[in-house]
């Protein structure tokens, strides 16, 4: 069984991402592509951990909280990143503004 500290650690990691957003506007399309891969990988790993916590944790309210903030935080970050990425592709490669 996982310790409650493990789920709290995941929650802290998600909250850290939320409180320290990157300035995607200053990045080039190639950098944005790498960032998009990173956040999607983080999202997958977070959901995998949460699935394990659902099986092992006694405090299911904490698990549900982790699931909600993970989905909301990473979803918002991915959406913001995708919008910026598509705009940068237009500007850098298709010369549209």
Protein backbone atom coordinates (compact mmCIF):
# COMPACT_ATOMS: atom_id res chain seq x y z
CA UNK A 1 0.00 0.00 0.00
CA UNK A 2 1.20 3.48 -0.90
CA UNK A 3 1.83 5.98 1.84
CA UNK A 4 -0.42 9.06 1.98
CA UNK A 5 2.76 11.08 1.47
CA UNK A 6 3.04 9.74 -2.09
CA UNK A 7 -0.31 11.16 -3.15
CA UNK A 8 0.48 14.42 -1.38
CA UNK A 9 3.78 14.54 -3.25
CA UNK A 10 1.90 14.19 -6.55
CA UNK A 11 -0.55 16.92 -5.53
CA UNK A 12 2.35 19.22 -4.62
CA UNK A 13 3.99 18.53 -7.98
CA UNK A 14 0.77 19.39 -9.83
CA UNK A 15 0.31 22.55 -7.77
CA UNK A 16 3.92 23.55 -8.45
CA UNK A 17 3.27 23.37 -12.20
CA UNK A 18 0.16 25.51 -11.72
CA UNK A 19 1.96 28.13 -9.65
CA UNK A 20 5.00 28.36 -11.94
CA UNK A 21 3.66 28.68 -15.48
CA UNK A 22 6.13 29.08 -18.31
CA UNK A 23 5.94 31.98 -20.71
CA UNK A 24 5.07 30.13 -23.91
CA UNK A 25 4.78 33.36 -25.91
CA UNK A 26 8.55 33.83 -25.81
CA UNK A 27 9.32 30.32 -27.08
CA UNK A 28 9.82 29.23 -30.67
CA UNK A 29 7.71 26.49 -32.26
CA UNK A 30 10.39 23.82 -31.74
CA UNK A 31 10.60 24.63 -28.03
CA UNK A 32 6.83 24.58 -27.74
CA UNK A 33 6.73 21.16 -29.36
CA UNK A 34 9.13 19.82 -26.73
CA UNK A 35 7.11 21.42 -23.93
CA UNK A 36 3.91 19.91 -25.30
CA UNK A 37 5.49 16.45 -25.25
CA UNK A 38 6.69 17.02 -21.68
CA UNK A 39 3.31 18.10 -20.33
CA UNK A 40 1.52 15.25 -22.10
CA UNK A 41 4.00 12.78 -20.63
CA UNK A 42 3.51 14.34 -17.18
CA UNK A 43 -0.26 14.03 -17.61
CA UNK A 44 0.00 10.34 -18.55
CA UNK A 45 2.34 9.57 -15.65
CA UNK A 46 0.09 11.44 -13.22
CA UNK A 47 -3.00 9.52 -14.32
CA UNK A 48 -1.09 6.25 -14.05
CA UNK A 49 -0.07 7.10 -10.48
CA UNK A 50 -3.62 8.16 -9.63
CA UNK A 51 -4.99 4.85 -10.94
CA UNK A 52 -2.59 3.03 -8.62
CA UNK A 53 -3.60 5.26 -5.71
CA UNK A 54 -7.26 4.44 -6.38
CA UNK A 55 -6.44 0.80 -5.71
CA UNK A 56 -4.18 1.30 -2.71
CA UNK A 57 -5.15 4.49 -0.85
CA UNK A 58 -7.62 4.53 2.00
CA UNK A 59 -8.24 8.26 1.64
CA UNK A 60 -10.24 8.21 -1.61
CA UNK A 61 -11.21 11.87 -1.20
CA UNK A 62 -7.55 12.81 -1.54
CA UNK A 63 -7.24 10.58 -4.60
CA UNK A 64 -10.28 12.23 -6.21
CA UNK A 65 -8.84 15.65 -5.41
CA UNK A 66 -5.57 14.67 -7.11
CA UNK A 67 -7.50 13.43 -10.14
CA UNK A 68 -9.48 16.66 -10.45
CA UNK A 69 -6.56 19.05 -10.08
CA UNK A 70 -4.42 16.95 -12.41
CA UNK A 71 -7.08 16.94 -15.11
CA UNK A 72 -7.81 20.66 -14.70
CA UNK A 73 -4.23 21.88 -14.40
CA UNK A 74 -2.67 19.79 -17.15
CA UNK A 75 -5.70 20.24 -19.40
CA UNK A 76 -5.49 24.01 -19.07
CA UNK A 77 -1.74 23.98 -19.67
CA UNK A 78 -2.06 21.74 -22.74
CA UNK A 79 -4.80 23.93 -24.21
CA UNK A 80 -2.80 27.11 -23.68
CA UNK A 81 0.31 25.49 -25.12
CA UNK A 82 -1.52 24.14 -28.18
CA UNK A 83 -3.01 27.54 -28.99
CA UNK A 84 0.38 29.21 -28.75
CA UNK A 85 2.08 26.40 -30.67
CA UNK A 86 -0.37 26.61 -33.59
CA UNK A 87 -0.04 30.38 -33.73
CA UNK A 88 3.77 30.12 -33.71
CA UNK A 89 3.69 27.56 -36.52
CA UNK A 90 1.60 29.96 -38.56
CA UNK A 91 3.97 32.85 -37.83
CA UNK A 92 7.27 30.99 -38.19
CA UNK A 93 6.56 28.51 -40.96
CA UNK A 94 3.52 29.70 -42.88
CA UNK A 95 4.22 33.44 -42.54
CA UNK A 96 0.64 34.23 -41.53
CA UNK A 97 -0.29 36.70 -38.85
